[in-house]
Amino acid sequence: MMQEMLQAQGVSRAFPAPGGGEFWALRGIDLSAPAGKLTILKGRSGSGKTTLLNILSALDPPTAGEVILDGREITALSDRERTALRRTQVGYVFQSVALIPMMTALENVEFALRLTRWPARARRDRALECLKLVGLAQRAGHLPQELSGGEQQRVAVARAFAHRPKVLFADEPTGALDTNTGLQVVKIFRDLCAQEGVTVVMTTHDPNLMEIGDAVYELEDGELVHG
């Protein structure tokens, strides 16, 4: 039986609706992400994927329900505790890579380690190790504008897992990439699960990626319809 790293129990999220009332972006979501595996949240634009990912990753609170990360309920934490959790136990990859343009690939990863208070003497070696894991050791000295879109996204992935988070959240990480390059990025996620033991939760609307996940959940109009 697989150990669960992340659980959502009855998670719902409401927003104020124009003209009064409430709009429910999520309703009663129950899901589990197995430790060291790749979980995919799929659905069309507007289905609630990003809202759910933001709640699972402690960026936003739910209106109702709870999220448990590695046995700890994170929805009950204070703002300061949630900030500390995001800095130390969580990694993020977004569709927009947001690399610092004047820093090399290596420096971008090193800078992320500095923000997470990684020991100074170990930052360079860890950054190089992470770039090697995503197949970019030979591009460590290149600036973002000297890299392809797929290479930039791989640097963003290296930056996100460098501090060894328990869970790596990826919101449409292949959305700006062609199918082949997107599959390469998702393969890196699977390799990270195997080699680094990290749990990955990613959103996508690309049907070509659905069969790659160890667990797949489909959302439609804020509700789970499969999973």
Protein backbone atom coordinates (compact mmCIF):
# COMPACT_ATOMS: atom_id res chain seq x y z
CA MET A 1 0.00 0.00 0.00
CA MET A 2 1.42 3.37 -1.09
CA GLN A 3 2.00 6.03 1.54
CA GLU A 4 0.08 9.26 0.98
CA MET A 5 2.16 12.43 1.04
CA LEU A 6 -0.71 14.84 0.39
CA GLN A 7 -4.45 14.63 1.05
CA ALA A 8 -7.40 16.92 0.42
CA GLN A 9 -10.54 16.29 2.43
CA GLY A 10 -13.74 18.09 1.51
CA VAL A 11 -11.90 21.07 0.03
CA SER A 12 -14.17 23.81 -1.29
CA ARG A 13 -13.42 27.39 -2.38
CA ALA A 14 -15.89 30.23 -2.86
CA PHE A 15 -15.30 33.70 -4.29
CA PRO A 16 -17.58 36.76 -4.24
CA ALA A 17 -19.72 36.83 -7.38
CA PRO A 18 -20.40 40.02 -9.37
CA GLY A 19 -23.67 41.49 -8.22
CA GLY A 20 -23.59 39.66 -4.89
CA GLY A 21 -23.63 36.09 -3.75
CA GLU A 22 -20.86 33.52 -4.14
CA PHE A 23 -19.21 31.60 -6.95
CA TRP A 24 -17.97 28.16 -5.92
CA ALA A 25 -14.75 27.40 -7.78
CA LEU A 26 -14.33 24.07 -5.94
CA ARG A 27 -16.84 21.81 -4.22
CA GLY A 28 -16.00 18.97 -1.84
CA ILE A 29 -12.69 17.81 -3.34
CA ASP A 30 -11.23 14.60 -1.90
CA LEU A 31 -7.93 13.32 -3.29
CA SER A 32 -4.63 11.74 -2.30
CA ALA A 33 -1.15 12.12 -3.82
CA PRO A 34 1.09 9.09 -3.16
CA ALA A 35 4.57 9.81 -1.81
CA GLY A 36 7.35 9.79 -4.38
CA LYS A 37 4.92 9.59 -7.31
CA LEU A 38 3.50 11.84 -10.03
CA THR A 39 -0.10 12.98 -9.58
CA ILE A 40 -1.83 14.81 -12.43
CA LEU A 41 -4.81 17.16 -12.11
CA LYS A 42 -6.45 17.47 -15.50
CA GLY A 43 -9.32 19.55 -16.83
CA ARG A 44 -10.24 22.32 -19.20
CA SER A 45 -9.48 25.98 -18.52
CA GLY A 46 -11.77 27.18 -15.75
CA SER A 47 -12.29 23.73 -14.27
CA GLY A 48 -10.65 24.69 -10.95
CA LYS A 49 -7.22 23.08 -11.39
CA THR A 50 -5.15 26.12 -10.49
CA THR A 51 -7.42 27.07 -7.60
CA LEU A 52 -7.02 23.56 -6.20
CA LEU A 53 -3.25 23.56 -6.72
CA ASN A 54 -2.94 26.89 -4.90
CA ILE A 55 -4.81 25.45 -1.92
CA LEU A 56 -2.85 22.18 -1.89
CA SER A 57 0.42 24.14 -1.95
CA ALA A 58 -0.52 26.47 0.92
CA LEU A 59 -0.67 29.56 -1.29
CA ASP A 60 -4.39 30.09 -0.65
CA PRO A 61 -6.76 28.89 2.10
CA PRO A 62 -9.90 26.86 1.33
CA THR A 63 -13.37 28.09 2.26
CA ALA A 64 -14.03 24.65 3.74
CA GLY A 65 -12.18 21.37 4.15
CA GLU A 66 -8.57 20.61 5.02
CA VAL A 67 -5.26 19.73 3.42
CA ILE A 68 -2.81 17.36 5.07
CA LEU A 69 0.84 17.35 3.97
CA ASP A 70 3.03 14.56 5.33
CA GLY A 71 0.65 13.98 8.23
CA ARG A 72 0.31 17.68 9.14
CA GLU A 73 -2.83 19.70 8.56
CA ILE A 74 -1.59 22.82 6.77
CA THR A 75 -4.91 24.64 6.38
CA ALA A 76 -4.90 25.42 10.11
CA LEU A 77 -1.45 27.05 10.08
CA SER A 78 -0.82 30.74 10.68
CA ASP A 79 0.43 32.94 7.83
CA ARG A 80 3.96 32.79 9.24
CA GLU A 81 3.86 28.99 9.51
CA ARG A 82 2.54 28.65 5.97
CA THR A 83 5.31 30.90 4.68
CA ALA A 84 7.93 28.75 6.44
CA LEU A 85 6.35 25.60 5.02
CA ARG A 86 6.39 26.96 1.47
CA ARG A 87 10.03 27.98 1.81
CA THR A 88 11.27 24.64 3.14
CA GLN A 89 8.90 21.83 2.14
CA VAL A 90 7.35 22.94 -1.13
CA GLY A 91 8.64 23.72 -4.62
CA TYR A 92 6.83 25.49 -7.47
CA VAL A 93 7.04 25.36 -11.27
CA PHE A 94 4.80 27.61 -13.34
CA GLN A 95 4.05 27.97 -17.05
CA SER A 96 6.04 31.21 -16.98
CA VAL A 97 9.58 30.22 -16.02
CA ALA A 98 10.40 33.61 -14.42
CA LEU A 99 14.15 33.10 -14.52
CA ILE A 100 16.30 36.10 -13.60
CA PRO A 101 17.61 37.27 -17.02
CA MET A 102 20.98 38.59 -15.87
CA MET A 103 21.86 35.37 -14.04
CA THR A 104 23.16 32.17 -15.63
CA ALA A 105 21.31 28.88 -15.28
CA LEU A 106 23.65 27.93 -12.43
CA GLU A 107 23.20 31.29 -10.70
CA ASN A 108 19.42 31.05 -10.96
CA VAL A 109 19.43 27.72 -9.13
CA GLU A 110 22.01 28.93 -6.60
CA PHE A 111 19.90 32.02 -5.89
CA ALA A 112 16.88 29.85 -5.09
CA LEU A 113 19.01 27.87 -2.64
CA ARG A 114 20.09 31.11 -0.97
CA LEU A 115 16.44 32.08 -0.47
CA THR A 116 15.73 28.73 1.21
CA ARG A 117 18.79 29.20 3.47
CA TRP A 118 20.73 26.29 2.01
CA PRO A 119 24.27 26.11 3.49
CA ALA A 120 26.48 28.52 1.53
CA ARG A 121 29.35 26.07 0.99
CA ALA A 122 27.04 23.48 -0.57
CA ARG A 123 25.02 25.72 -2.90
CA ARG A 124 27.17 25.51 -6.02
CA ASP A 125 27.60 21.73 -5.86
CA ARG A 126 23.86 21.22 -5.28
CA ALA A 127 22.96 23.61 -8.12
CA LEU A 128 25.27 21.74 -10.51
CA GLU A 129 23.82 18.42 -9.35
CA CYS A 130 20.30 19.65 -10.08
CA LEU A 131 21.21 20.95 -13.53
CA LYS A 132 22.79 17.58 -14.26
CA LEU A 133 19.57 15.81 -13.21
CA VAL A 134 17.60 17.84 -15.78
CA GLY A 135 20.25 17.31 -18.48
CA LEU A 136 21.67 20.83 -18.50
CA ALA A 137 25.06 20.59 -16.79
CA GLN A 138 26.72 21.67 -20.04
CA ARG A 139 24.50 24.79 -20.17
CA ALA A 140 25.16 25.93 -16.60
CA GLY A 141 26.99 29.09 -17.71
CA HIS A 142 24.34 30.24 -20.20
CA LEU A 143 21.91 33.08 -19.62
CA PRO A 144 18.15 32.38 -19.99
CA GLN A 145 17.94 34.17 -23.35
CA GLU A 146 20.63 31.82 -24.66
CA LEU A 147 18.46 28.79 -23.87
CA SER A 148 15.46 27.32 -25.70
CA GLY A 149 12.01 27.40 -24.11
CA GLY A 150 12.31 23.78 -23.07
CA GLU A 151 15.75 24.37 -21.57
CA GLN A 152 14.48 27.37 -19.63
CA GLN A 153 11.66 25.26 -18.19
CA ARG A 154 14.16 22.58 -17.17
CA VAL A 155 16.20 25.22 -15.32
CA ALA A 156 12.98 26.28 -13.59
CA VAL A 157 12.40 22.66 -12.57
CA ALA A 158 15.96 22.38 -11.23
CA ARG A 159 15.44 25.59 -9.27
CA ALA A 160 12.17 24.29 -7.80
CA PHE A 161 13.51 21.00 -6.41
CA ALA A 162 17.03 22.13 -5.49
CA HIS A 163 16.21 22.60 -1.80
CA ARG A 164 14.75 19.05 -1.65
CA PRO A 165 11.08 19.86 -1.02
CA LYS A 166 8.66 17.15 0.00
CA VAL A 167 6.22 18.16 -2.74
CA LEU A 168 6.83 19.87 -6.08
CA PHE A 169 3.78 21.63 -7.52
CA ALA A 170 3.71 22.40 -11.24
CA ASP A 171 0.93 24.51 -12.77
CA GLU A 172 0.64 23.88 -16.53
CA PRO A 173 4.45 23.52 -16.82
CA THR A 174 4.18 22.33 -20.43
CA GLY A 175 1.55 24.83 -21.55
CA ALA A 176 3.97 26.96 -23.58
CA LEU A 177 5.91 24.00 -25.00
CA ASP A 178 5.35 21.74 -28.00
CA THR A 179 4.18 18.19 -27.26
CA ASN A 180 7.57 16.52 -27.60
CA THR A 181 9.34 19.05 -25.38
CA GLY A 182 6.47 18.86 -22.89
CA LEU A 183 6.84 15.09 -22.68
CA GLN A 184 10.55 15.53 -21.98
CA VAL A 185 9.75 17.86 -19.06
CA VAL A 186 7.22 15.42 -17.61
CA LYS A 187 9.75 12.59 -17.95
CA ILE A 188 12.08 14.71 -15.80
CA PHE A 189 9.34 14.88 -13.17
CA ARG A 190 9.10 11.09 -13.18
CA ASP A 191 12.89 10.79 -12.91
CA LEU A 192 12.84 13.17 -9.94
CA CYS A 193 10.23 11.03 -8.22
CA ALA A 194 12.50 8.00 -8.64
CA GLN A 195 15.88 9.61 -7.96
CA GLU A 196 15.07 12.37 -5.46
CA GLY A 197 12.00 10.82 -3.84
CA VAL A 198 10.00 14.02 -4.37
CA THR A 199 6.22 13.91 -4.74
CA VAL A 200 5.04 15.82 -7.83
CA VAL A 201 1.56 17.27 -8.37
CA MET A 202 0.99 18.95 -11.72
CA THR A 203 -1.93 20.39 -13.66
CA THR A 204 -2.43 20.02 -17.39
CA HIS A 205 -5.08 20.11 -20.09
CA ASP A 206 -2.85 18.19 -22.54
CA PRO A 207 -4.39 14.74 -23.26
CA ASN A 208 -0.97 13.43 -24.35
CA LEU A 209 0.25 13.60 -20.75
CA MET A 210 -2.62 11.84 -19.00
CA GLU A 211 -1.22 8.31 -19.14
CA ILE A 212 2.08 9.33 -17.55
CA GLY A 213 0.74 10.00 -14.06
CA ASP A 214 0.71 7.46 -11.25
CA ALA A 215 -2.58 9.01 -10.11
CA VAL A 216 -4.85 11.13 -12.29
CA TYR A 217 -7.78 13.30 -11.18
CA GLU A 218 -10.12 15.11 -13.56
CA LEU A 219 -11.95 18.30 -12.62
CA GLU A 220 -14.99 19.79 -14.28
CA ASP A 221 -16.74 22.93 -13.06
CA GLY A 222 -14.98 22.69 -9.69
CA GLU A 223 -15.87 19.07 -8.98
CA LEU A 224 -14.00 15.80 -9.38
CA VAL A 225 -15.50 13.72 -12.17
CA HIS A 226 -12.80 11.04 -12.27
CA GLY A 227 -10.07 9.92 -9.92
